[in-house]
PDB file of N, CA and C in Angstrom:
ATOM      1  N   UNK A   1      21.398  -7.370  -8.562  1.00  0.00           N
ATOM      2  CA  UNK A   1      20.305  -7.668  -9.473  1.00  0.00           C
ATOM      3  C   UNK A   1      19.856  -6.373 -10.139  1.00  0.00           C
ATOM      4  N   UNK A   2      19.685  -6.412 -11.413  1.00  0.00           N
ATOM      5  CA  UNK A   2      19.223  -5.261 -12.172  1.00  0.00           C
ATOM      6  C   UNK A   2      17.755  -5.036 -11.841  1.00  0.00           C
ATOM      7  N   UNK A   3      17.355  -3.770 -11.745  1.00  0.00           N
ATOM      8  CA  UNK A   3      16.003  -3.433 -11.313  1.00  0.00           C
ATOM      9  C   UNK A   3      14.934  -4.088 -12.185  1.00  0.00           C
ATOM     10  N   UNK A   4      15.134  -4.142 -13.494  1.00  0.00           N
ATOM     11  CA  UNK A   4      14.098  -4.654 -14.386  1.00  0.00           C
ATOM     12  C   UNK A   4      14.005  -6.174 -14.358  1.00  0.00           C
ATOM     13  N   UNK A   5      15.012  -6.849 -13.815  1.00  0.00           N
ATOM     14  CA  UNK A   5      14.979  -8.302 -13.682  1.00  0.00           C
ATOM     15  C   UNK A   5      14.384  -8.726 -12.338  1.00  0.00           C
ATOM     16  N   UNK A   6      14.075  -7.787 -11.491  1.00  0.00           N
ATOM     17  CA  UNK A   6      13.590  -8.078 -10.151  1.00  0.00           C
ATOM     18  C   UNK A   6      12.136  -8.545 -10.173  1.00  0.00           C
ATOM     19  N   UNK A   7      11.797  -9.493  -9.305  1.00  0.00           N
ATOM     20  CA  UNK A   7      10.395  -9.921  -9.217  1.00  0.00           C
ATOM     21  C   UNK A   7       9.477  -8.818  -8.695  1.00  0.00           C
ATOM     22  N   UNK A   8      10.038  -7.788  -8.065  1.00  0.00           N
ATOM     23  CA  UNK A   8       9.221  -6.678  -7.564  1.00  0.00           C
ATOM     24  C   UNK A   8       8.632  -5.847  -8.700  1.00  0.00           C
ATOM     25  N   UNK A   9       9.243  -5.937  -9.874  1.00  0.00           N
ATOM     26  CA  UNK A   9       8.763  -5.137 -11.000  1.00  0.00           C
ATOM     27  C   UNK A   9       7.415  -5.616 -11.531  1.00  0.00           C
ATOM     28  N   UNK A  10       6.978  -6.799 -11.102  1.00  0.00           N
ATOM     29  CA  UNK A  10       5.662  -7.268 -11.529  1.00  0.00           C
ATOM     30  C   UNK A  10       4.539  -6.564 -10.782  1.00  0.00           C
ATOM     31  N   UNK A  11       4.880  -5.869  -9.703  1.00  0.00           N
ATOM     32  CA  UNK A  11       3.868  -5.153  -8.932  1.00  0.00           C
ATOM     33  C   UNK A  11       3.429  -3.916  -9.709  1.00  0.00           C
ATOM     34  N   UNK A  12       2.135  -3.774  -9.974  1.00  0.00           N
ATOM     35  CA  UNK A  12       1.679  -2.630 -10.769  1.00  0.00           C
ATOM     36  C   UNK A  12       1.890  -1.310 -10.039  1.00  0.00           C
ATOM     37  N   UNK A  13       2.413  -0.324 -10.743  1.00  0.00           N
ATOM     38  CA  UNK A  13       2.574   1.019 -10.193  1.00  0.00           C
ATOM     39  C   UNK A  13       3.662   1.151  -9.147  1.00  0.00           C
ATOM     40  N   UNK A  14       4.618   0.240  -9.122  1.00  0.00           N
ATOM     41  CA  UNK A  14       5.667   0.308  -8.101  1.00  0.00           C
ATOM     42  C   UNK A  14       6.520   1.555  -8.323  1.00  0.00           C
ATOM     43  N   UNK A  15       6.812   2.228  -7.229  1.00  0.00           N
ATOM     44  CA  UNK A  15       7.636   3.439  -7.280  1.00  0.00           C
ATOM     45  C   UNK A  15       9.066   3.074  -6.892  1.00  0.00           C
ATOM     46  N   UNK A  16      10.037   3.900  -7.270  1.00  0.00           N
ATOM     47  CA  UNK A  16      11.421   3.625  -6.855  1.00  0.00           C
ATOM     48  C   UNK A  16      11.580   3.563  -5.326  1.00  0.00           C
ATOM     49  N   UNK A  17      10.821   4.387  -4.628  1.00  0.00           N
ATOM     50  CA  UNK A  17      10.873   4.387  -3.162  1.00  0.00           C
ATOM     51  C   UNK A  17      10.399   3.042  -2.609  1.00  0.00           C
ATOM     52  N   UNK A  18       9.291   2.534  -3.130  1.00  0.00           N
ATOM     53  CA  UNK A  18       8.771   1.239  -2.681  1.00  0.00           C
ATOM     54  C   UNK A  18       9.715   0.111  -3.081  1.00  0.00           C
ATOM     55  N   UNK A  19      10.270   0.201  -4.271  1.00  0.00           N
ATOM     56  CA  UNK A  19      11.206  -0.818  -4.747  1.00  0.00           C
ATOM     57  C   UNK A  19      12.409  -0.929  -3.812  1.00  0.00           C
ATOM     58  N   UNK A  20      13.008   0.201  -3.462  1.00  0.00           N
ATOM     59  CA  UNK A  20      14.187   0.152  -2.584  1.00  0.00           C
ATOM     60  C   UNK A  20      13.802  -0.332  -1.187  1.00  0.00           C
ATOM     61  N   UNK A  21      12.603   0.022  -0.729  1.00  0.00           N
ATOM     62  CA  UNK A  21      12.139  -0.448   0.584  1.00  0.00           C
ATOM     63  C   UNK A  21      11.975  -1.969   0.572  1.00  0.00           C
ATOM     64  N   UNK A  22      11.397  -2.493  -0.494  1.00  0.00           N
ATOM     65  CA  UNK A  22      11.225  -3.942  -0.610  1.00  0.00           C
ATOM     66  C   UNK A  22      12.570  -4.653  -0.717  1.00  0.00           C
ATOM     67  N   UNK A  23      13.497  -4.063  -1.463  1.00  0.00           N
ATOM     68  CA  UNK A  23      14.838  -4.645  -1.598  1.00  0.00           C
ATOM     69  C   UNK A  23      15.505  -4.774  -0.235  1.00  0.00           C
ATOM     70  N   UNK A  24      15.445  -3.705   0.557  1.00  0.00           N
ATOM     71  CA  UNK A  24      16.100  -3.742   1.861  1.00  0.00           C
ATOM     72  C   UNK A  24      15.371  -4.661   2.840  1.00  0.00           C
ATOM     73  N   UNK A  25      14.040  -4.754   2.720  1.00  0.00           N
ATOM     74  CA  UNK A  25      13.262  -5.584   3.643  1.00  0.00           C
ATOM     75  C   UNK A  25      13.449  -7.073   3.374  1.00  0.00           C
ATOM     76  N   UNK A  26      13.788  -7.433   2.151  1.00  0.00           N
ATOM     77  CA  UNK A  26      13.887  -8.853   1.801  1.00  0.00           C
ATOM     78  C   UNK A  26      15.312  -9.318   1.534  1.00  0.00           C
ATOM     79  N   UNK A  27      16.300  -8.558   1.964  1.00  0.00           N
ATOM     80  CA  UNK A  27      17.680  -9.005   1.779  1.00  0.00           C
ATOM     81  C   UNK A  27      17.905 -10.295   2.560  1.00  0.00           C
ATOM     82  N   UNK A  28      18.579 -11.222   1.940  1.00  0.00           N
ATOM     83  CA  UNK A  28      18.871 -12.495   2.582  1.00  0.00           C
ATOM     84  C   UNK A  28      17.782 -13.539   2.422  1.00  0.00           C
ATOM     85  N   UNK A  29      16.728 -13.217   1.705  1.00  0.00           N
ATOM     86  CA  UNK A  29      15.659 -14.188   1.480  1.00  0.00           C
ATOM     87  C   UNK A  29      16.073 -15.192   0.414  1.00  0.00           C
ATOM     88  N   UNK A  30      15.659 -16.422   0.598  1.00  0.00           N
ATOM     89  CA  UNK A  30      15.842 -17.410  -0.455  1.00  0.00           C
ATOM     90  C   UNK A  30      14.797 -17.146  -1.538  1.00  0.00           C
ATOM     91  N   UNK A  31      14.949 -17.811  -2.670  1.00  0.00           N
ATOM     92  CA  UNK A  31      13.994 -17.612  -3.762  1.00  0.00           C
ATOM     93  C   UNK A  31      12.584 -18.041  -3.347  1.00  0.00           C
ATOM     94  N   UNK A  32      12.488 -19.116  -2.577  1.00  0.00           N
ATOM     95  CA  UNK A  32      11.188 -19.606  -2.106  1.00  0.00           C
ATOM     96  C   UNK A  32      10.552 -18.613  -1.132  1.00  0.00           C
ATOM     97  N   UNK A  33      11.351 -18.095  -0.198  1.00  0.00           N
ATOM     98  CA  UNK A  33      10.831 -17.098   0.744  1.00  0.00           C
ATOM     99  C   UNK A  33      10.374 -15.846   0.013  1.00  0.00           C
ATOM    100  N   UNK A  34      11.134 -15.417  -0.979  1.00  0.00           N
ATOM    101  CA  UNK A  34      10.776 -14.237  -1.751  1.00  0.00           C
ATOM    102  C   UNK A  34       9.474 -14.461  -2.517  1.00  0.00           C
ATOM    103  N   UNK A  35       9.323 -15.642  -3.071  1.00  0.00           N
ATOM    104  CA  UNK A  35       8.099 -15.972  -3.801  1.00  0.00           C
ATOM    105  C   UNK A  35       6.893 -15.956  -2.857  1.00  0.00           C
ATOM    106  N   UNK A  36       7.050 -16.525  -1.675  1.00  0.00           N
ATOM    107  CA  UNK A  36       5.968 -16.532  -0.679  1.00  0.00           C
ATOM    108  C   UNK A  36       5.653 -15.114  -0.218  1.00  0.00           C
ATOM    109  N   UNK A  37       6.699 -14.340   0.025  1.00  0.00           N
ATOM    110  CA  UNK A  37       6.500 -12.952   0.439  1.00  0.00           C
ATOM    111  C   UNK A  37       5.711 -12.179  -0.616  1.00  0.00           C
ATOM    112  N   UNK A  38       6.108 -12.315  -1.873  1.00  0.00           N
ATOM    113  CA  UNK A  38       5.421 -11.602  -2.951  1.00  0.00           C
ATOM    114  C   UNK A  38       3.970 -12.036  -3.086  1.00  0.00           C
ATOM    115  N   UNK A  39       3.706 -13.309  -2.856  1.00  0.00           N
ATOM    116  CA  UNK A  39       2.341 -13.805  -2.935  1.00  0.00           C
ATOM    117  C   UNK A  39       1.473 -13.129  -1.866  1.00  0.00           C
ATOM    118  N   UNK A  40       1.984 -13.037  -0.658  1.00  0.00           N
ATOM    119  CA  UNK A  40       1.232 -12.419   0.440  1.00  0.00           C
ATOM    120  C   UNK A  40       1.134 -10.915   0.232  1.00  0.00           C
ATOM    121  N   UNK A  41       2.266 -10.288  -0.038  1.00  0.00           N
ATOM    122  CA  UNK A  41       2.315  -8.827  -0.146  1.00  0.00           C
ATOM    123  C   UNK A  41       1.480  -8.300  -1.304  1.00  0.00           C
ATOM    124  N   UNK A  42       1.533  -8.958  -2.440  1.00  0.00           N
ATOM    125  CA  UNK A  42       0.799  -8.451  -3.601  1.00  0.00           C
ATOM    126  C   UNK A  42      -0.712  -8.491  -3.379  1.00  0.00           C
ATOM    127  N   UNK A  43      -1.179  -9.399  -2.523  1.00  0.00           N
ATOM    128  CA  UNK A  43      -2.615  -9.448  -2.255  1.00  0.00           C
ATOM    129  C   UNK A  43      -3.064  -8.355  -1.282  1.00  0.00           C
ATOM    130  N   UNK A  44      -2.134  -7.826  -0.493  1.00  0.00           N
ATOM    131  CA  UNK A  44      -2.466  -6.801   0.500  1.00  0.00           C
ATOM    132  C   UNK A  44      -2.160  -5.385   0.022  1.00  0.00           C
ATOM    133  N   UNK A  45      -1.308  -5.251  -0.927  1.00  0.00           N
ATOM    134  CA  UNK A  45      -0.751  -3.979  -1.366  1.00  0.00           C
ATOM    135  C   UNK A  45      -1.792  -3.100  -2.061  1.00  0.00           C
ATOM    136  N   UNK A  46      -1.626  -1.783  -1.922  1.00  0.00           N
ATOM    137  CA  UNK A  46      -2.442  -0.808  -2.648  1.00  0.00           C
ATOM    138  C   UNK A  46      -1.578  -0.159  -3.723  1.00  0.00           C
ATOM    139  N   UNK A  47      -2.085  -0.135  -4.928  1.00  0.00           N
ATOM    140  CA  UNK A  47      -1.402   0.486  -6.048  1.00  0.00           C
ATOM    141  C   UNK A  47      -1.560   2.005  -5.940  1.00  0.00           C
ATOM    142  N   UNK A  48      -0.463   2.758  -5.964  1.00  0.00           N
ATOM    143  CA  UNK A  48      -0.570   4.223  -5.879  1.00  0.00           C
ATOM    144  C   UNK A  48      -1.419   4.820  -6.998  1.00  0.00           C
ATOM    145  N   UNK A  49      -1.397   4.206  -8.174  1.00  0.00           N
ATOM    146  CA  UNK A  49      -2.213   4.715  -9.281  1.00  0.00           C
ATOM    147  C   UNK A  49      -3.705   4.531  -9.002  1.00  0.00           C
ATOM    148  N   UNK A  50      -4.064   3.440  -8.335  1.00  0.00           N
ATOM    149  CA  UNK A  50      -5.465   3.220  -7.974  1.00  0.00           C
ATOM    150  C   UNK A  50      -5.918   4.184  -6.881  1.00  0.00           C
ATOM    151  N   UNK A  51      -4.976   4.615  -6.053  1.00  0.00           N
ATOM    152  CA  UNK A  51      -5.318   5.541  -4.969  1.00  0.00           C
ATOM    153  C   UNK A  51      -5.856   6.858  -5.516  1.00  0.00           C
ATOM    154  N   UNK A  52      -5.405   7.270  -6.694  1.00  0.00           N
ATOM    155  CA  UNK A  52      -5.937   8.489  -7.307  1.00  0.00           C
ATOM    156  C   UNK A  52      -7.430   8.320  -7.545  1.00  0.00           C
ATOM    157  N   UNK A  53      -7.809   7.184  -8.082  1.00  0.00           N
ATOM    158  CA  UNK A  53      -9.228   6.914  -8.331  1.00  0.00           C
ATOM    159  C   UNK A  53     -10.015   6.887  -7.022  1.00  0.00           C
ATOM    160  N   UNK A  54      -9.473   6.227  -6.007  1.00  0.00           N
ATOM    161  CA  UNK A  54     -10.159   6.166  -4.719  1.00  0.00           C
ATOM    162  C   UNK A  54     -10.323   7.556  -4.112  1.00  0.00           C
ATOM    163  N   UNK A  55      -9.305   8.395  -4.262  1.00  0.00           N
ATOM    164  CA  UNK A  55      -9.384   9.758  -3.721  1.00  0.00           C
ATOM    165  C   UNK A  55     -10.423  10.589  -4.471  1.00  0.00           C
ATOM    166  N   UNK A  56     -10.517  10.416  -5.777  1.00  0.00           N
ATOM    167  CA  UNK A  56     -11.539  11.133  -6.542  1.00  0.00           C
ATOM    168  C   UNK A  56     -12.929  10.650  -6.128  1.00  0.00           C
ATOM    169  N   UNK A  57     -13.058   9.335  -5.958  1.00  0.00           N
ATOM    170  CA  UNK A  57     -14.336   8.795  -5.494  1.00  0.00           C
ATOM    171  C   UNK A  57     -14.661   9.267  -4.073  1.00  0.00           C
ATOM    172  N   UNK A  58     -13.627   9.681  -3.341  1.00  0.00           N
ATOM    173  CA  UNK A  58     -13.816  10.207  -1.997  1.00  0.00           C
ATOM    174  C   UNK A  58     -14.645  11.481  -1.960  1.00  0.00           C
ATOM    175  N   UNK A  59     -14.770  12.175  -3.088  1.00  0.00           N
ATOM    176  CA  UNK A  59     -15.643  13.347  -3.147  1.00  0.00           C
ATOM    177  C   UNK A  59     -17.117  12.926  -3.150  1.00  0.00           C
ATOM    178  N   UNK A  60     -17.389  11.726  -3.637  1.00  0.00           N
ATOM    179  CA  UNK A  60     -18.763  11.221  -3.707  1.00  0.00           C
ATOM    180  C   UNK A  60     -19.095  10.288  -2.542  1.00  0.00           C
ATOM    181  N   UNK A  61     -18.099   9.566  -2.064  1.00  0.00           N
ATOM    182  CA  UNK A  61     -18.239   8.683  -0.900  1.00  0.00           C
ATOM    183  C   UNK A  61     -17.170   9.120   0.100  1.00  0.00           C
ATOM    184  N   UNK A  62     -17.483  10.109   0.932  1.00  0.00           N
ATOM    185  CA  UNK A  62     -16.468  10.645   1.846  1.00  0.00           C
ATOM    186  C   UNK A  62     -15.854   9.560   2.726  1.00  0.00           C
ATOM    187  N   UNK A  63     -14.541   9.585   2.824  1.00  0.00           N
ATOM    188  CA  UNK A  63     -13.814   8.652   3.671  1.00  0.00           C
ATOM    189  C   UNK A  63     -13.411   7.356   2.991  1.00  0.00           C
ATOM    190  N   UNK A  64     -13.832   7.133   1.760  1.00  0.00           N
ATOM    191  CA  UNK A  64     -13.527   5.878   1.062  1.00  0.00           C
ATOM    192  C   UNK A  64     -12.036   5.547   1.055  1.00  0.00           C
ATOM    193  N   UNK A  65     -11.162   6.480   0.680  1.00  0.00           N
ATOM    194  CA  UNK A  65      -9.735   6.118   0.661  1.00  0.00           C
ATOM    195  C   UNK A  65      -9.212   5.729   2.043  1.00  0.00           C
ATOM    196  N   UNK A  66      -9.691   6.398   3.063  1.00  0.00           N
ATOM    197  CA  UNK A  66      -9.222   6.090   4.426  1.00  0.00           C
ATOM    198  C   UNK A  66      -9.715   4.718   4.881  1.00  0.00           C
ATOM    199  N   UNK A  67     -10.948   4.370   4.530  1.00  0.00           N
ATOM    200  CA  UNK A  67     -11.440   3.036   4.861  1.00  0.00           C
ATOM    201  C   UNK A  67     -10.624   1.968   4.142  1.00  0.00           C
ATOM    202  N   UNK A  68     -10.282   2.201   2.881  1.00  0.00           N
ATOM    203  CA  UNK A  68      -9.498   1.238   2.110  1.00  0.00           C
ATOM    204  C   UNK A  68      -8.075   1.092   2.630  1.00  0.00           C
ATOM    205  N   UNK A  69      -7.592   2.096   3.343  1.00  0.00           N
ATOM    206  CA  UNK A  69      -6.246   2.050   3.928  1.00  0.00           C
ATOM    207  C   UNK A  69      -6.280   1.574   5.378  1.00  0.00           C
ATOM    208  N   UNK A  70      -7.421   1.047   5.793  1.00  0.00           N
ATOM    209  CA  UNK A  70      -7.625   0.559   7.167  1.00  0.00           C
ATOM    210  C   UNK A  70      -7.466   1.647   8.214  1.00  0.00           C
ATOM    211  N   UNK A  71      -7.751   2.883   7.843  1.00  0.00           N
ATOM    212  CA  UNK A  71      -7.753   3.995   8.791  1.00  0.00           C
ATOM    213  C   UNK A  71      -9.221   4.298   9.117  1.00  0.00           C
ATOM    214  N   UNK A  72      -9.821   3.404   9.891  1.00  0.00           N
ATOM    215  CA  UNK A  72     -11.258   3.442  10.138  1.00  0.00           C
ATOM    216  C   UNK A  72     -11.669   4.729  10.850  1.00  0.00           C
ATOM    217  N   UNK A  73     -10.916   5.151  11.853  1.00  0.00           N
ATOM    218  CA  UNK A  73     -11.242   6.378  12.583  1.00  0.00           C
ATOM    219  C   UNK A  73     -11.269   7.595  11.669  1.00  0.00           C
ATOM    220  N   UNK A  74     -10.232   7.727  10.836  1.00  0.00           N
ATOM    221  CA  UNK A  74     -10.199   8.850   9.888  1.00  0.00           C
ATOM    222  C   UNK A  74     -11.309   8.723   8.852  1.00  0.00           C
ATOM    223  N   UNK A  75     -11.619   7.499   8.455  1.00  0.00           N
ATOM    224  CA  UNK A  75     -12.696   7.279   7.495  1.00  0.00           C
ATOM    225  C   UNK A  75     -14.038   7.742   8.048  1.00  0.00           C
ATOM    226  N   UNK A  76     -14.285   7.437   9.302  1.00  0.00           N
ATOM    227  CA  UNK A  76     -15.530   7.877   9.951  1.00  0.00           C
ATOM    228  C   UNK A  76     -15.554   9.398  10.062  1.00  0.00           C
ATOM    229  N   UNK A  77     -14.427   9.984  10.463  1.00  0.00           N
ATOM    230  CA  UNK A  77     -14.341  11.443  10.552  1.00  0.00           C
ATOM    231  C   UNK A  77     -14.600  12.090   9.196  1.00  0.00           C
ATOM    232  N   UNK A  78     -13.961  11.579   8.153  1.00  0.00           N
ATOM    233  CA  UNK A  78     -14.172  12.113   6.807  1.00  0.00           C
ATOM    234  C   UNK A  78     -15.623  11.926   6.366  1.00  0.00           C
ATOM    235  N   UNK A  79     -16.216  10.794   6.718  1.00  0.00           N
ATOM    236  CA  UNK A  79     -17.585  10.517   6.311  1.00  0.00           C
ATOM    237  C   UNK A  79     -18.558  11.535   6.908  1.00  0.00           C
ATOM    238  N   UNK A  80     -18.413  11.799   8.205  1.00  0.00           N
ATOM    239  CA  UNK A  80     -19.362  12.691   8.876  1.00  0.00           C
ATOM    240  C   UNK A  80     -19.067  14.174   8.658  1.00  0.00           C
ATOM    241  N   UNK A  81     -17.858  14.508   8.220  1.00  0.00           N
ATOM    242  CA  UNK A  81     -17.533  15.915   7.958  1.00  0.00           C
ATOM    243  C   UNK A  81     -17.393  16.178   6.458  1.00  0.00           C
ATOM    244  N   UNK A  82     -17.853  15.233   5.655  1.00  0.00           N
ATOM    245  CA  UNK A  82     -17.744  15.286   4.196  1.00  0.00           C
ATOM    246  C   UNK A  82     -16.302  15.613   3.774  1.00  0.00           C
ATOM    247  N   UNK A  83     -15.420  14.739   4.227  1.00  0.00           N
ATOM    248  CA  UNK A  83     -13.997  14.864   3.847  1.00  0.00           C
ATOM    249  C   UNK A  83     -13.372  16.123   4.414  1.00  0.00           C
ATOM    250  N   UNK A  84     -13.756  16.461   5.671  1.00  0.00           N
ATOM    251  CA  UNK A  84     -13.298  17.698   6.311  1.00  0.00           C
ATOM    252  C   UNK A  84     -13.597  18.894   5.399  1.00  0.00           C
ATOM    253  N   UNK A  85     -14.860  18.931   4.979  1.00  0.00           N
ATOM    254  CA  UNK A  85     -15.371  19.977   4.068  1.00  0.00           C
ATOM    255  C   UNK A  85     -14.648  19.966   2.720  1.00  0.00           C
ATOM    256  N   UNK A  86     -14.197  18.801   2.315  1.00  0.00           N
ATOM    257  CA  UNK A  86     -13.543  18.650   1.015  1.00  0.00           C
ATOM    258  C   UNK A  86     -12.052  18.924   1.050  1.00  0.00           C
ATOM    259  N   UNK A  87     -11.597  19.645   2.065  1.00  0.00           N
ATOM    260  CA  UNK A  87     -10.173  19.994   2.138  1.00  0.00           C
ATOM    261  C   UNK A  87      -9.317  18.746   2.374  1.00  0.00           C
ATOM    262  N   UNK A  88      -9.757  17.884   3.280  1.00  0.00           N
ATOM    263  CA  UNK A  88      -9.014  16.654   3.559  1.00  0.00           C
ATOM    264  C   UNK A  88      -8.958  15.741   2.350  1.00  0.00           C
ATOM    265  N   UNK A  89     -10.046  15.704   1.600  1.00  0.00           N
ATOM    266  CA  UNK A  89     -10.081  14.872   0.404  1.00  0.00           C
ATOM    267  C   UNK A  89      -9.127  15.403  -0.658  1.00  0.00           C
ATOM    268  N   UNK A  90      -9.050  16.725  -0.784  1.00  0.00           N
ATOM    269  CA  UNK A  90      -8.107  17.337  -1.737  1.00  0.00           C
ATOM    270  C   UNK A  90      -6.669  17.037  -1.313  1.00  0.00           C
ATOM    271  N   UNK A  91      -6.399  17.139  -0.021  1.00  0.00           N
ATOM    272  CA  UNK A  91      -5.056  16.838   0.486  1.00  0.00           C
ATOM    273  C   UNK A  91      -4.710  15.369   0.227  1.00  0.00           C
ATOM    274  N   UNK A  92      -5.689  14.478   0.434  1.00  0.00           N
ATOM    275  CA  UNK A  92      -5.449  13.058   0.145  1.00  0.00           C
ATOM    276  C   UNK A  92      -5.154  12.843  -1.340  1.00  0.00           C
ATOM    277  N   UNK A  93      -5.856  13.569  -2.190  1.00  0.00           N
ATOM    278  CA  UNK A  93      -5.636  13.448  -3.631  1.00  0.00           C
ATOM    279  C   UNK A  93      -4.216  13.870  -4.003  1.00  0.00           C
ATOM    280  N   UNK A  94      -3.745  14.947  -3.385  1.00  0.00           N
ATOM    281  CA  UNK A  94      -2.384  15.426  -3.652  1.00  0.00           C
ATOM    282  C   UNK A  94      -1.344  14.444  -3.095  1.00  0.00           C
ATOM    283  N   UNK A  95      -1.626  13.866  -1.935  1.00  0.00           N
ATOM    284  CA  UNK A  95      -0.671  12.980  -1.260  1.00  0.00           C
ATOM    285  C   UNK A  95      -0.970  11.502  -1.479  1.00  0.00           C
ATOM    286  N   UNK A  96      -1.618  11.146  -2.565  1.00  0.00           N
ATOM    287  CA  UNK A  96      -2.040   9.761  -2.765  1.00  0.00           C
ATOM    288  C   UNK A  96      -0.866   8.780  -2.784  1.00  0.00           C
ATOM    289  N   UNK A  97       0.262   9.168  -3.325  1.00  0.00           N
ATOM    290  CA  UNK A  97       1.419   8.257  -3.371  1.00  0.00           C
ATOM    291  C   UNK A  97       1.968   8.010  -1.969  1.00  0.00           C
ATOM    292  N   UNK A  98       2.012   9.047  -1.163  1.00  0.00           N
ATOM    293  CA  UNK A  98       2.497   8.899   0.203  1.00  0.00           C
ATOM    294  C   UNK A  98       1.547   8.033   1.031  1.00  0.00           C
ATOM    295  N   UNK A  99       0.241   8.224   0.858  1.00  0.00           N
ATOM    296  CA  UNK A  99      -0.737   7.399   1.569  1.00  0.00           C
ATOM    297  C   UNK A  99      -0.560   5.927   1.209  1.00  0.00           C
ATOM    298  N   UNK A 100      -0.406   5.652  -0.077  1.00  0.00           N
ATOM    299  CA  UNK A 100      -0.228   4.266  -0.522  1.00  0.00           C
ATOM    300  C   UNK A 100       1.080   3.692   0.005  1.00  0.00           C
ATOM    301  N   UNK A 101       2.151   4.484  -0.014  1.00  0.00           N
ATOM    302  CA  UNK A 101       3.447   3.983   0.449  1.00  0.00           C
ATOM    303  C   UNK A 101       3.409   3.660   1.945  1.00  0.00           C
ATOM    304  N   UNK A 102       2.797   4.521   2.737  1.00  0.00           N
ATOM    305  CA  UNK A 102       2.710   4.262   4.184  1.00  0.00           C
ATOM    306  C   UNK A 102       1.901   3.001   4.462  1.00  0.00           C
ATOM    307  N   UNK A 103       0.802   2.837   3.747  1.00  0.00           N
ATOM    308  CA  UNK A 103      -0.005   1.629   3.900  1.00  0.00           C
ATOM    309  C   UNK A 103       0.806   0.399   3.476  1.00  0.00           C
ATOM    310  N   UNK A 104       1.491   0.506   2.351  1.00  0.00           N
ATOM    311  CA  UNK A 104       2.280  -0.618   1.846  1.00  0.00           C
ATOM    312  C   UNK A 104       3.423  -0.979   2.779  1.00  0.00           C
ATOM    313  N   UNK A 105       3.987   0.008   3.473  1.00  0.00           N
ATOM    314  CA  UNK A 105       5.025  -0.284   4.460  1.00  0.00           C
ATOM    315  C   UNK A 105       4.465  -1.177   5.568  1.00  0.00           C
ATOM    316  N   UNK A 106       3.260  -0.870   6.029  1.00  0.00           N
ATOM    317  CA  UNK A 106       2.632  -1.710   7.055  1.00  0.00           C
ATOM    318  C   UNK A 106       2.369  -3.114   6.520  1.00  0.00           C
ATOM    319  N   UNK A 107       1.995  -3.210   5.248  1.00  0.00           N
ATOM    320  CA  UNK A 107       1.722  -4.521   4.658  1.00  0.00           C
ATOM    321  C   UNK A 107       3.016  -5.319   4.464  1.00  0.00           C
ATOM    322  N   UNK A 108       4.127  -4.630   4.191  1.00  0.00           N
ATOM    323  CA  UNK A 108       5.428  -5.313   4.108  1.00  0.00           C
ATOM    324  C   UNK A 108       5.750  -5.913   5.468  1.00  0.00           C
ATOM    325  N   UNK A 109       5.558  -5.142   6.529  1.00  0.00           N
ATOM    326  CA  UNK A 109       5.837  -5.635   7.880  1.00  0.00           C
ATOM    327  C   UNK A 109       4.969  -6.846   8.204  1.00  0.00           C
ATOM    328  N   UNK A 110       3.663  -6.759   7.907  1.00  0.00           N
ATOM    329  CA  UNK A 110       2.774  -7.889   8.166  1.00  0.00           C
ATOM    330  C   UNK A 110       3.171  -9.114   7.360  1.00  0.00           C
ATOM    331  N   UNK A 111       3.508  -8.914   6.113  1.00  0.00           N
ATOM    332  CA  UNK A 111       3.898 -10.028   5.248  1.00  0.00           C
ATOM    333  C   UNK A 111       5.192 -10.667   5.735  1.00  0.00           C
ATOM    334  N   UNK A 112       6.139  -9.839   6.162  1.00  0.00           N
ATOM    335  CA  UNK A 112       7.397 -10.372   6.702  1.00  0.00           C
ATOM    336  C   UNK A 112       7.146 -11.192   7.959  1.00  0.00           C
ATOM    337  N   UNK A 113       6.243 -10.717   8.799  1.00  0.00           N
ATOM    338  CA  UNK A 113       5.926 -11.454  10.022  1.00  0.00           C
ATOM    339  C   UNK A 113       5.301 -12.808   9.685  1.00  0.00           C
ATOM    340  N   UNK A 114       4.442 -12.840   8.682  1.00  0.00           N
ATOM    341  CA  UNK A 114       3.828 -14.107   8.291  1.00  0.00           C
ATOM    342  C   UNK A 114       4.875 -15.080   7.749  1.00  0.00           C
ATOM    343  N   UNK A 115       5.827 -14.573   6.987  1.00  0.00           N
ATOM    344  CA  UNK A 115       6.885 -15.419   6.444  1.00  0.00           C
ATOM    345  C   UNK A 115       7.776 -15.935   7.575  1.00  0.00           C
ATOM    346  N   UNK A 116       8.154 -15.040   8.497  1.00  0.00           N
ATOM    347  CA  UNK A 116       9.040 -15.440   9.598  1.00  0.00           C
ATOM    348  C   UNK A 116       8.374 -16.423  10.541  1.00  0.00           C
ATOM    349  N   UNK A 117       7.060 -16.300  10.726  1.00  0.00           N
ATOM    350  CA  UNK A 117       6.345 -17.226  11.606  1.00  0.00           C
ATOM    351  C   UNK A 117       6.060 -18.548  10.908  1.00  0.00           C
ATOM    352  N   UNK A 118       6.277 -18.589   9.599  1.00  0.00           N
ATOM    353  CA  UNK A 118       6.035 -19.820   8.863  1.00  0.00           C
ATOM    354  C   UNK A 118       4.566 -20.104   8.644  1.00  0.00           C
ATOM    355  N   UNK A 119       3.738 -19.016   8.651  1.00  0.00           N
ATOM    356  CA  UNK A 119       2.301 -19.189   8.488  1.00  0.00           C
ATOM    357  C   UNK A 119       1.972 -19.781   7.119  1.00  0.00           C
ATOM    358  N   UNK A 120       2.660 -19.325   6.094  1.00  0.00           N
ATOM    359  CA  UNK A 120       2.433 -19.806   4.744  1.00  0.00           C
ATOM    360  C   UNK A 120       3.520 -20.838   4.418  1.00  0.00           C
ATOM    361  N   UNK A 121       3.133 -22.019   4.110  1.00  0.00           N
ATOM    362  CA  UNK A 121       4.119 -23.075   3.826  1.00  0.00           C
ATOM    363  C   UNK A 121       4.391 -23.215   2.377  1.00  0.00           C
TER     364      UNK A 121
END
């Protein structure tokens, strides 16, 4: 399948790394399973482009990006240390694509589990 004809291309801000990860995770899926997977995954996924905004807002609301990535412990730490004195927030801003990709990998796993368990009919 050509990359631009793929249903994964409808995901906003998809990176080549995420695209190849999704391709390998959904090999052997029927069209219906793929459609269900995309429905679940797209609702849980974080757009790497939006993560830049969340990281910038992290200077005003310390820990915001970490809370949005379900890293509650780190979010609390960032909140009480003002983003580790701003250094952690700057590092998050630089690594925003990696943060989003790691979170999205967990969401791919969760979505696959829901599809395999037949939770969504």
